[in-house]
């Protein structure tokens, strides 16, 4: 923020924002400092960190951007021969309604909080994201990106979201969206 940043950017696999107690978060953190932790503990800690990042944004003023649901490096042969982040990133379904509830219960109506939700799962637009953006004043829908930033994808986005979320509850183009 001091260097001019306006947003934090979170590319988690899920949208879970379930907070942990301070003691449990510290226990997982300490365990990770000494070696690997199991997948369940790592996921719980990641969810807690999304919640805590939302809390911190009340103080730092950064807009929180969340774009979950991408299974990165899907092809083991490509990963092995070319390296990470070279393609084969495949969309995976994400559940938003229950996952974001803890965060939105705590911060969703706070005028200091702003969150932009992105997805590469078109089925989530009308079912979950547009109703969330239409209900919570802090939430905006991110513009279609990645596989959906084609003329047809952008038209489908407007058709699936505008009636429920409204036009002004979308973010427009940010980040690397076109």
Protein backbone atom coordinates (compact mmCIF):
# COMPACT_ATOMS: atom_id res chain seq x y z
CA UNK A 1 0.00 0.00 0.00
CA UNK A 2 2.86 2.38 0.83
CA UNK A 3 4.32 1.74 -2.65
CA UNK A 4 1.02 2.47 -4.40
CA UNK A 5 -0.61 -0.95 -4.38
CA UNK A 6 -4.40 -0.85 -4.44
CA UNK A 7 -5.33 -4.51 -4.06
CA UNK A 8 -4.26 -7.86 -2.69
CA UNK A 9 -4.59 -10.84 -5.02
CA UNK A 10 -5.44 -14.35 -3.81
CA UNK A 11 -5.33 -17.40 -6.07
CA UNK A 12 -6.37 -20.11 -3.64
CA UNK A 13 -7.79 -23.41 -4.84
CA UNK A 14 -10.97 -22.98 -2.77
CA UNK A 15 -12.96 -19.98 -1.52
CA UNK A 16 -13.10 -21.26 2.07
CA UNK A 17 -12.79 -18.44 4.62
CA UNK A 18 -13.42 -20.35 7.84
CA UNK A 19 -11.44 -18.65 10.63
CA UNK A 20 -9.40 -20.62 13.14
CA UNK A 21 -8.80 -19.77 16.76
CA UNK A 22 -5.55 -17.91 17.29
CA UNK A 23 -4.11 -20.92 19.08
CA UNK A 24 -4.99 -23.34 16.26
CA UNK A 25 -3.62 -21.02 13.57
CA UNK A 26 -0.40 -20.65 15.56
CA UNK A 27 -0.15 -24.43 16.05
CA UNK A 28 -0.40 -25.07 12.29
CA UNK A 29 2.02 -22.25 11.50
CA UNK A 30 4.58 -23.54 14.00
CA UNK A 31 4.22 -27.08 12.65
CA UNK A 32 4.80 -25.83 9.09
CA UNK A 33 8.00 -24.09 10.18
CA UNK A 34 9.35 -27.48 11.24
CA UNK A 35 8.24 -29.56 8.27
CA UNK A 36 5.31 -30.51 6.11
CA UNK A 37 1.77 -30.37 7.47
CA UNK A 38 -1.09 -32.51 6.21
CA UNK A 39 -3.39 -31.24 3.46
CA UNK A 40 -6.31 -30.64 5.83
CA UNK A 41 -4.23 -28.44 8.13
CA UNK A 42 -2.77 -26.53 5.18
CA UNK A 43 -6.26 -25.93 3.75
CA UNK A 44 -7.59 -24.80 7.13
CA UNK A 45 -4.69 -22.39 7.51
CA UNK A 46 -5.21 -21.01 3.98
CA UNK A 47 -8.91 -20.41 4.75
CA UNK A 48 -7.97 -18.65 7.97
CA UNK A 49 -5.47 -16.46 6.13
CA UNK A 50 -8.15 -15.36 3.64
CA UNK A 51 -10.31 -14.36 6.60
CA UNK A 52 -7.41 -12.54 8.28
CA UNK A 53 -6.46 -10.78 5.04
CA UNK A 54 -10.01 -9.45 4.84
CA UNK A 55 -9.67 -8.17 8.41
CA UNK A 56 -6.34 -6.51 7.57
CA UNK A 57 -7.85 -4.80 4.52
CA UNK A 58 -10.04 -2.78 6.87
CA UNK A 59 -6.84 -1.11 8.06
CA UNK A 60 -4.72 -1.01 4.90
CA UNK A 61 -7.54 -0.10 2.51
CA UNK A 62 -6.53 -2.67 -0.10
CA UNK A 63 -9.25 -4.20 -2.24
CA UNK A 64 -9.23 -7.98 -1.77
CA UNK A 65 -9.29 -9.91 -5.08
CA UNK A 66 -10.08 -13.62 -4.92
CA UNK A 67 -9.86 -15.94 -7.92
CA UNK A 68 -10.08 -19.55 -6.75
CA UNK A 69 -10.69 -22.76 -8.64
CA UNK A 70 -7.76 -23.39 -10.94
CA UNK A 71 -5.90 -26.67 -10.85
CA UNK A 72 -2.44 -25.53 -11.86
CA UNK A 73 0.14 -27.65 -13.68
CA UNK A 74 -2.47 -30.27 -14.59
CA UNK A 75 -0.15 -32.18 -16.92
CA UNK A 76 2.65 -33.96 -15.06
CA UNK A 77 4.71 -34.50 -18.26
CA UNK A 78 4.53 -30.78 -19.19
CA UNK A 79 5.33 -29.78 -15.61
CA UNK A 80 8.34 -32.13 -15.60
CA UNK A 81 9.70 -31.02 -18.98
CA UNK A 82 8.90 -27.29 -19.04
CA UNK A 83 8.35 -26.29 -15.43
CA UNK A 84 5.65 -24.62 -13.37
CA UNK A 85 3.15 -22.12 -14.72
CA UNK A 86 3.66 -23.10 -18.36
CA UNK A 87 0.08 -24.07 -19.13
CA UNK A 88 -2.34 -26.84 -18.52
CA UNK A 89 -4.06 -24.81 -15.81
CA UNK A 90 -7.57 -26.29 -15.79
CA UNK A 91 -10.71 -24.81 -14.18
CA UNK A 92 -12.15 -26.68 -11.21
CA UNK A 93 -15.58 -26.14 -9.68
CA UNK A 94 -15.68 -23.87 -6.62
CA UNK A 95 -18.37 -23.52 -3.98
CA UNK A 96 -18.72 -19.85 -2.95
CA UNK A 97 -21.95 -19.51 -0.94
CA UNK A 98 -21.01 -21.44 2.22
CA UNK A 99 -17.28 -20.84 1.78
CA UNK A 100 -17.51 -17.04 1.85
CA UNK A 101 -20.15 -16.85 4.56
CA UNK A 102 -17.74 -16.47 7.53
CA UNK A 103 -15.89 -13.64 5.79
CA UNK A 104 -19.07 -11.90 4.60
CA UNK A 105 -20.74 -12.28 8.02
CA UNK A 106 -17.79 -10.46 9.53
CA UNK A 107 -16.99 -7.86 6.85
CA UNK A 108 -19.58 -7.97 4.04
CA UNK A 109 -21.49 -4.87 5.14
CA UNK A 110 -18.54 -2.88 6.49
CA UNK A 111 -18.08 0.24 4.32
CA UNK A 112 -14.27 -0.06 4.66
CA UNK A 113 -14.21 -3.50 3.01
CA UNK A 114 -14.19 -4.20 -0.73
CA UNK A 115 -13.81 -7.59 -2.39
CA UNK A 116 -13.75 -8.58 -6.06
CA UNK A 117 -14.65 -12.20 -6.86
CA UNK A 118 -13.34 -13.84 -10.02
CA UNK A 119 -14.07 -17.29 -11.38
CA UNK A 120 -13.33 -19.42 -14.41
CA UNK A 121 -16.45 -21.48 -13.64
CA UNK A 122 -19.31 -19.92 -15.63
CA UNK A 123 -21.88 -22.00 -13.77
CA UNK A 124 -21.11 -20.08 -10.56
CA UNK A 125 -22.02 -16.65 -12.00
CA UNK A 126 -25.79 -16.81 -11.79
CA UNK A 127 -26.07 -19.50 -9.11
CA UNK A 128 -23.77 -17.97 -6.46
CA UNK A 129 -21.74 -14.92 -7.39
CA UNK A 130 -24.42 -12.58 -8.77
CA UNK A 131 -26.68 -13.10 -5.73
CA UNK A 132 -23.73 -12.51 -3.37
CA UNK A 133 -22.73 -9.30 -5.19
CA UNK A 134 -26.36 -8.19 -5.25
CA UNK A 135 -26.73 -8.71 -1.50
CA UNK A 136 -23.41 -7.55 -0.01
CA UNK A 137 -22.40 -3.93 -0.62
CA UNK A 138 -18.71 -4.81 -0.30
CA UNK A 139 -18.65 -7.36 -3.14
CA UNK A 140 -18.04 -6.81 -6.84
CA UNK A 141 -17.87 -9.41 -9.59
CA UNK A 142 -14.64 -9.52 -11.51
CA UNK A 143 -14.67 -9.35 -15.28
CA UNK A 144 -14.47 -12.64 -17.18
CA UNK A 145 -10.86 -13.69 -17.52
CA UNK A 146 -8.67 -16.45 -18.76
CA UNK A 147 -10.86 -18.92 -20.68
CA UNK A 148 -13.90 -16.63 -20.53
CA UNK A 149 -12.52 -13.34 -21.83
CA UNK A 150 -13.79 -13.93 -25.36
CA UNK A 151 -16.64 -11.90 -26.86
CA UNK A 152 -19.04 -14.80 -26.22
CA UNK A 153 -17.79 -15.31 -22.68
CA UNK A 154 -18.19 -11.65 -21.83
CA UNK A 155 -21.73 -11.61 -23.29
CA UNK A 156 -22.67 -14.68 -21.25
CA UNK A 157 -21.25 -13.02 -18.12
CA UNK A 158 -23.50 -9.97 -18.61
CA UNK A 159 -26.52 -12.16 -19.37
CA UNK A 160 -25.97 -14.32 -16.28
CA UNK A 161 -25.17 -11.57 -13.77
CA UNK A 162 -26.64 -8.17 -14.61
CA UNK A 163 -30.25 -8.90 -13.66
CA UNK A 164 -29.30 -10.14 -10.18
CA UNK A 165 -26.09 -8.28 -9.32
CA UNK A 166 -26.71 -5.12 -11.30
CA UNK A 167 -24.26 -3.45 -13.63
CA UNK A 168 -22.51 -1.37 -10.98
CA UNK A 169 -21.69 -4.38 -8.80
CA UNK A 170 -19.11 -5.52 -11.33
CA UNK A 171 -15.52 -4.37 -11.23
CA UNK A 172 -14.77 -3.79 -14.85
CA UNK A 173 -11.32 -4.70 -16.04
CA UNK A 174 -8.55 -5.09 -13.49
CA UNK A 175 -5.31 -7.00 -13.24
CA UNK A 176 -4.53 -9.08 -16.31
CA UNK A 177 -8.11 -9.27 -17.56
CA UNK A 178 -8.58 -7.84 -21.03
